Each structure stands twice: as C-alpha cells, then as structure tokens.
Amino acid sequence: NVTGALITCQTLVVAPYDSTNIELNAGGGKLAEEFIKFDDNRNIGTGQSTTQKMNEGDVLVLRGSGSLQDLSGTLIKSDKPILITSGMSETAIPLNSPSQSVITEMEFPTDAFGKHFFFTPLINKDSVSYFRAFASEDNTNVYRNGELMGNIKKGGGADFGESYIEFDTWRKSSNMKPATITSDKPIGLMYYNKFESRSNTINIYHRDAHMLQIPSIEQGVNSAIFANPHNHSEGEVLF
C-alpha cells in the first residue's frame, strides 16, 4: 500500500531460444476474482491454462488484472529452457508496515526442488518472518522441525492453500532458532523477510522487506565461488 495505491506483483519469463512453447497453468488470485490478461484479450483465471509461443530474446510479463492479484502457485512448463523472475517494484511485509522495498528473485525449476531445507534466522532479527512452500506433486505434507505445517493438495496451477501454503519461520519471536523444513515430496521454499523498525541501528538490509529463494540440502555442492558486493576499491563501482 504505497501512497494510497496497491502495486501489482509480476513475473517475467525470458526465452533464450526460438520456437519455445510455453504452457501456463494459473495459480493465485481466486480470492480477488481477477485474471492474467494477455495482449490478445485472453483472460486466464486461477486453475485455467493457456499456451504461448516465444522466440529468442522474448520477455513475457505476467501480472494480474488488478492490485490484489497474486500469481503465486502458477505452474509454467516449456519445451526448451527458460528463465523466470518474480517480484514487486514496491511492497511492504506485512502490508501496513511503514517502509516499502523492491523485492525480486529468480525462480528455481521444479526439478531443483527438494525435501530437506535448513534456515538460520538473520542476525539481529527480533520477530519471525514467513515461508511459502510450493509443491510439484499433489498431496504433499510440509513440516517445520517435525511439526506438520500443512498439506499441499495440488502441484501447481491453483490458489493459496491448494498449491502452496504459508507459515512462520519459527513458532514465536522469543528465543528464535534455526528451522529445519522437510516434506514427503519435493517442494520449493521461498522466504519473505518481515520489516522491522530498529531506530537504534543503522539502516541495514535484514530489517527491510525482501524475498529469498531457499535452496534445498539436496542442491548442496562441494565448491562454490561468491560474488559479494562490499565497500572495496576493486572494480569501477563501489557498493
């Protein structure tokens, strides 16, 4: 809710190759009874499907028809590799927080989903934040530290509570601890950071709204190189 207006979320699909065929099964948005609108006047509502042909360099921008539309839970399939990014230009987590931020994140493909996740609370956090778990298969149970958080009924192409669920990163704010998220079938796990007003600290990143894709333990590797922005003199631009 920015200056009295709600800003729509959006998802971008990028095609690196010619003759890429996309199949889209729409999620989210049933509560608002809105649609994903296409340039050729197609209106695709929650649970409905459509196709789209893309060529090299094409960017398909998906957004709802109004400010309450949530595309979460949408399943996108293609016959050639694609890239997907989701986010919002201004958002507050939760809605009535006094500060808004841009949030954006790459989407993992469903074949990178896993059954085991480990999450450590961000430093100096005073309150719990939120997870959303997305399933690639029907009837998926999700657990936080062994406690059942919910059952995801449908693997994509449905609304909140059907193709994805939402729950806290920890049961209460006091004595926050790391969380182990597990499931009986593969899931994707997205973290949404809750805004905190910390007048006694500098304006640091972990207090602002942001979203973060959590990789599963199954995605772990033996070696990795980090590209980490910092106030350092190497390079042409300082961060």
Protein backbone atom coordinates (compact mmCIF):
# COMPACT_ATOMS: atom_id res chain seq x y z
CA ASN A 1 0.00 0.00 0.00
CA VAL A 2 2.14 2.85 -1.34
CA THR A 3 0.72 6.40 -1.23
CA GLY A 4 -2.80 5.00 -1.21
CA ALA A 5 -2.30 2.61 -4.13
CA LEU A 6 -1.66 -1.12 -4.21
CA ILE A 7 1.04 -2.12 -6.71
CA THR A 8 0.67 -5.31 -8.71
CA CYS A 9 3.14 -8.19 -8.50
CA GLN A 10 4.60 -9.53 -11.73
CA THR A 11 6.50 -12.50 -13.14
CA LEU A 12 8.85 -12.31 -16.12
CA VAL A 13 9.52 -15.29 -18.41
CA VAL A 14 12.61 -14.97 -20.65
CA ALA A 15 13.19 -17.21 -23.67
CA PRO A 16 16.83 -17.79 -24.77
CA TYR A 17 15.78 -19.89 -27.80
CA ASP A 18 13.49 -19.56 -30.82
CA SER A 19 10.28 -21.58 -31.08
CA THR A 20 9.86 -22.08 -27.34
CA ASN A 21 6.40 -23.32 -26.43
CA ILE A 22 5.08 -22.28 -23.01
CA GLU A 23 2.21 -23.92 -21.15
CA LEU A 24 0.86 -21.83 -18.26
CA ASN A 25 -1.44 -23.10 -15.52
CA ALA A 26 -2.58 -20.08 -13.50
CA GLY A 27 -2.35 -20.05 -9.71
CA GLY A 28 -3.29 -17.47 -7.05
CA GLY A 29 -5.87 -14.74 -7.33
CA LYS A 30 -9.08 -16.68 -6.77
CA LEU A 31 -9.92 -14.50 -3.76
CA ALA A 32 -9.81 -11.34 -5.87
CA GLU A 33 -11.59 -13.00 -8.84
CA GLU A 34 -9.11 -11.46 -11.24
CA PHE A 35 -7.22 -12.72 -14.28
CA ILE A 36 -3.91 -12.72 -16.07
CA LYS A 37 -4.61 -10.57 -19.13
CA PHE A 38 -2.83 -11.18 -22.44
CA ASP A 39 -2.41 -8.69 -25.28
CA ASP A 40 -4.78 -10.70 -27.49
CA ASN A 41 -7.57 -10.32 -24.90
CA ARG A 42 -7.19 -13.77 -23.33
CA ASN A 43 -8.18 -13.72 -19.64
CA ILE A 44 -6.72 -16.68 -17.73
CA GLY A 45 -8.11 -17.17 -14.22
CA THR A 46 -6.99 -19.36 -11.33
CA GLY A 47 -6.90 -23.03 -12.32
CA GLN A 48 -7.14 -22.24 -16.05
CA SER A 49 -4.47 -22.99 -18.67
CA THR A 50 -3.14 -21.39 -21.84
CA THR A 51 -0.16 -21.62 -24.18
CA GLN A 52 2.26 -19.05 -25.58
CA LYS A 53 4.96 -19.29 -28.27
CA MET A 54 8.18 -17.36 -27.59
CA ASN A 55 11.34 -16.67 -29.58
CA GLU A 56 14.91 -15.83 -28.60
CA GLY A 57 15.02 -12.65 -26.52
CA ASP A 58 11.27 -12.52 -25.89
CA VAL A 59 10.17 -11.45 -22.40
CA LEU A 60 6.66 -12.43 -21.33
CA VAL A 61 5.48 -10.18 -18.48
CA LEU A 62 2.71 -11.78 -16.44
CA ARG A 63 0.70 -9.76 -13.97
CA GLY A 64 -2.79 -9.71 -12.60
CA SER A 65 -5.63 -7.52 -13.80
CA GLY A 66 -5.69 -5.62 -10.51
CA SER A 67 -3.74 -4.81 -7.37
CA LEU A 68 -4.94 -7.82 -5.36
CA GLN A 69 -3.85 -10.42 -7.89
CA ASP A 70 -1.25 -12.90 -6.62
CA LEU A 71 0.35 -15.16 -9.24
CA SER A 72 1.84 -17.49 -6.60
CA GLY A 73 1.24 -21.15 -7.35
CA THR A 74 1.30 -20.66 -11.13
CA LEU A 75 2.92 -23.59 -12.95
CA ILE A 76 4.88 -22.81 -16.13
CA LYS A 77 6.17 -25.57 -18.41
CA SER A 78 8.25 -25.23 -21.59
CA ASP A 79 9.78 -27.50 -24.22
CA LYS A 80 13.06 -25.50 -24.15
CA PRO A 81 14.96 -23.86 -21.28
CA ILE A 82 13.55 -20.58 -19.94
CA LEU A 83 14.35 -18.13 -17.13
CA ILE A 84 11.74 -16.86 -14.65
CA THR A 85 11.94 -13.90 -12.27
CA SER A 86 9.22 -12.79 -9.85
CA GLY A 87 8.77 -9.75 -7.64
CA MET A 88 7.21 -6.37 -6.97
CA SER A 89 8.52 -2.86 -7.50
CA GLU A 90 7.25 -1.70 -4.07
CA THR A 91 5.92 -3.86 -1.27
CA ALA A 92 5.56 -3.91 2.50
CA ILE A 93 5.79 -7.08 4.59
CA PRO A 94 3.31 -7.13 6.26
CA LEU A 95 1.04 -4.82 4.28
CA ASN A 96 0.76 -1.93 6.73
CA SER A 97 4.47 -1.62 7.50
CA PRO A 98 5.79 1.96 7.28
CA SER A 99 8.57 1.14 4.80
CA GLN A 100 8.36 -0.34 1.30
CA SER A 101 11.05 -2.16 -0.66
CA VAL A 102 11.60 -3.65 -4.08
CA ILE A 103 11.60 -7.45 -3.83
CA THR A 104 12.69 -9.77 -6.64
CA GLU A 105 14.09 -13.26 -7.01
CA MET A 106 14.88 -15.88 -9.63
CA GLU A 107 12.57 -18.90 -9.59
CA PHE A 108 14.03 -22.40 -9.20
CA PRO A 109 12.77 -25.02 -11.67
CA THR A 110 10.71 -27.82 -10.13
CA ASP A 111 13.44 -30.35 -10.88
CA ALA A 112 15.61 -28.45 -8.36
CA PHE A 113 13.01 -28.86 -5.60
CA GLY A 114 13.97 -30.94 -2.57
CA LYS A 115 12.69 -32.50 0.66
CA HIS A 116 15.14 -31.04 3.20
CA PHE A 117 15.86 -27.35 3.97
CA PHE A 118 17.80 -25.56 6.71
CA PHE A 119 17.23 -21.91 7.56
CA THR A 120 19.11 -19.73 10.05
CA PRO A 121 17.36 -16.53 11.28
CA LEU A 122 19.00 -13.33 10.07
CA ILE A 123 21.25 -11.56 12.58
CA ASN A 124 19.55 -9.07 14.94
CA LYS A 125 16.05 -10.14 13.90
CA ASP A 126 13.51 -9.51 16.67
CA SER A 127 10.48 -11.14 15.05
CA VAL A 128 9.60 -14.15 12.97
CA SER A 129 9.14 -13.86 9.21
CA TYR A 130 7.37 -16.08 6.68
CA PHE A 131 7.87 -19.09 4.42
CA ARG A 132 5.85 -20.11 1.41
CA ALA A 133 6.18 -23.74 0.34
CA PHE A 134 5.26 -24.76 -3.22
CA ALA A 135 4.68 -28.35 -4.32
CA SER A 136 5.44 -30.03 -7.62
CA GLU A 137 3.26 -33.07 -6.77
CA ASP A 138 -0.22 -33.50 -5.35
CA ASN A 139 -0.85 -34.32 -1.67
CA THR A 140 2.47 -33.01 -0.26
CA ASN A 141 2.97 -32.70 3.51
CA VAL A 142 5.31 -29.97 4.83
CA TYR A 143 6.93 -29.93 8.29
CA ARG A 144 8.83 -27.34 10.37
CA ASN A 145 11.12 -29.06 12.90
CA GLY A 146 8.95 -32.17 12.65
CA GLU A 147 5.65 -30.33 13.18
CA LEU A 148 3.13 -30.57 10.33
CA MET A 149 2.61 -27.12 8.78
CA GLY A 150 0.06 -28.24 6.22
CA ASN A 151 -0.84 -30.35 3.23
CA ILE A 152 -0.44 -29.01 -0.32
CA LYS A 153 -3.25 -30.56 -2.31
CA LYS A 154 -2.16 -29.73 -5.86
CA GLY A 155 1.23 -29.48 -7.53
CA GLY A 156 0.84 -26.08 -9.20
CA GLY A 157 -1.89 -24.22 -11.04
CA ALA A 158 -4.06 -23.46 -8.01
CA ASP A 159 -4.69 -20.91 -5.27
CA PHE A 160 -3.32 -20.37 -1.74
CA GLY A 161 -3.90 -23.42 0.44
CA GLU A 162 -4.13 -25.67 -2.61
CA SER A 163 -0.80 -25.40 -4.49
CA TYR A 164 1.16 -23.58 -1.77
CA ILE A 165 0.98 -22.86 1.95
CA GLU A 166 2.36 -20.09 4.17
CA PHE A 167 3.73 -20.38 7.71
CA ASP A 168 6.05 -18.63 10.18
CA THR A 169 9.80 -19.25 10.22
CA TRP A 170 9.52 -20.01 13.96
CA ARG A 171 6.67 -20.53 16.41
CA LYS A 172 7.27 -17.28 18.31
CA SER A 173 9.58 -14.28 18.31
CA SER A 174 11.33 -15.02 21.61
CA ASN A 175 14.30 -17.38 21.51
CA MET A 176 14.27 -17.79 17.73
CA LYS A 177 16.24 -20.77 16.48
CA PRO A 178 17.23 -22.29 13.13
CA ALA A 179 14.43 -24.17 11.39
CA THR A 180 14.56 -27.45 9.51
CA ILE A 181 11.86 -27.68 6.84
CA THR A 182 11.09 -31.13 5.45
CA SER A 183 8.46 -32.66 3.21
CA ASP A 184 7.42 -36.10 1.98
CA LYS A 185 7.55 -34.93 -1.66
CA PRO A 186 9.73 -32.27 -3.36
CA ILE A 187 8.93 -28.62 -2.61
CA GLY A 188 10.26 -25.14 -3.33
CA LEU A 189 10.72 -22.83 -0.35
CA MET A 190 10.58 -19.02 -0.53
CA TYR A 191 11.43 -16.77 2.43
CA TYR A 192 9.73 -13.38 2.91
CA ASN A 193 11.51 -11.05 5.36
CA LYS A 194 9.26 -9.05 7.70
CA PHE A 195 10.07 -5.36 8.07
CA GLU A 196 11.42 -4.26 11.46
CA SER A 197 11.80 -0.71 12.75
CA ARG A 198 15.14 -0.51 14.51
CA SER A 199 15.82 3.11 15.44
CA ASN A 200 18.90 2.16 17.45
CA THR A 201 20.75 0.63 14.48
CA ILE A 202 21.90 1.73 11.07
CA ASN A 203 19.61 1.04 8.12
CA ILE A 204 20.77 -2.49 7.38
CA TYR A 205 19.40 -4.97 4.90
CA HIS A 206 18.00 -7.59 7.23
CA ARG A 207 15.41 -5.14 8.61
CA ASP A 208 13.86 -4.43 5.18
CA ALA A 209 11.29 -6.42 3.23
CA HIS A 210 12.84 -8.87 0.80
CA MET A 211 12.28 -12.32 -0.65
CA LEU A 212 14.85 -15.10 -0.77
CA GLN A 213 14.74 -18.47 -2.53
CA ILE A 214 15.97 -21.14 -0.09
CA PRO A 215 17.97 -23.93 -1.78
CA SER A 216 17.33 -27.46 -0.56
CA ILE A 217 20.04 -29.52 1.11
CA GLU A 218 19.87 -31.77 -1.97
CA GLN A 219 21.22 -28.83 -4.00
CA GLY A 220 24.36 -28.66 -1.87
CA VAL A 221 27.71 -28.60 -3.69
CA ASN A 222 31.34 -29.26 -2.79
CA SER A 223 32.70 -25.97 -4.11
CA ALA A 224 31.27 -22.51 -4.80
CA ILE A 225 32.54 -19.03 -5.68
CA PHE A 226 30.80 -16.00 -4.12
CA ALA A 227 30.36 -12.66 -5.89
CA ASN A 228 29.84 -10.49 -2.80
CA PRO A 229 29.35 -6.68 -3.11
CA HIS A 230 31.24 -4.69 -0.49
CA ASN A 231 32.80 -1.26 0.14
CA HIS A 232 36.04 -2.16 -1.57
CA SER A 233 38.20 -0.26 -4.05
CA GLU A 234 38.50 -3.03 -6.64
CA GLY A 235 36.23 -2.59 -9.63
CA GLU A 236 34.81 0.53 -11.22
CA VAL A 237 31.75 0.94 -9.00
CA LEU A 238 31.59 0.81 -5.21
CA PHE A 239 28.65 -0.89 -3.49
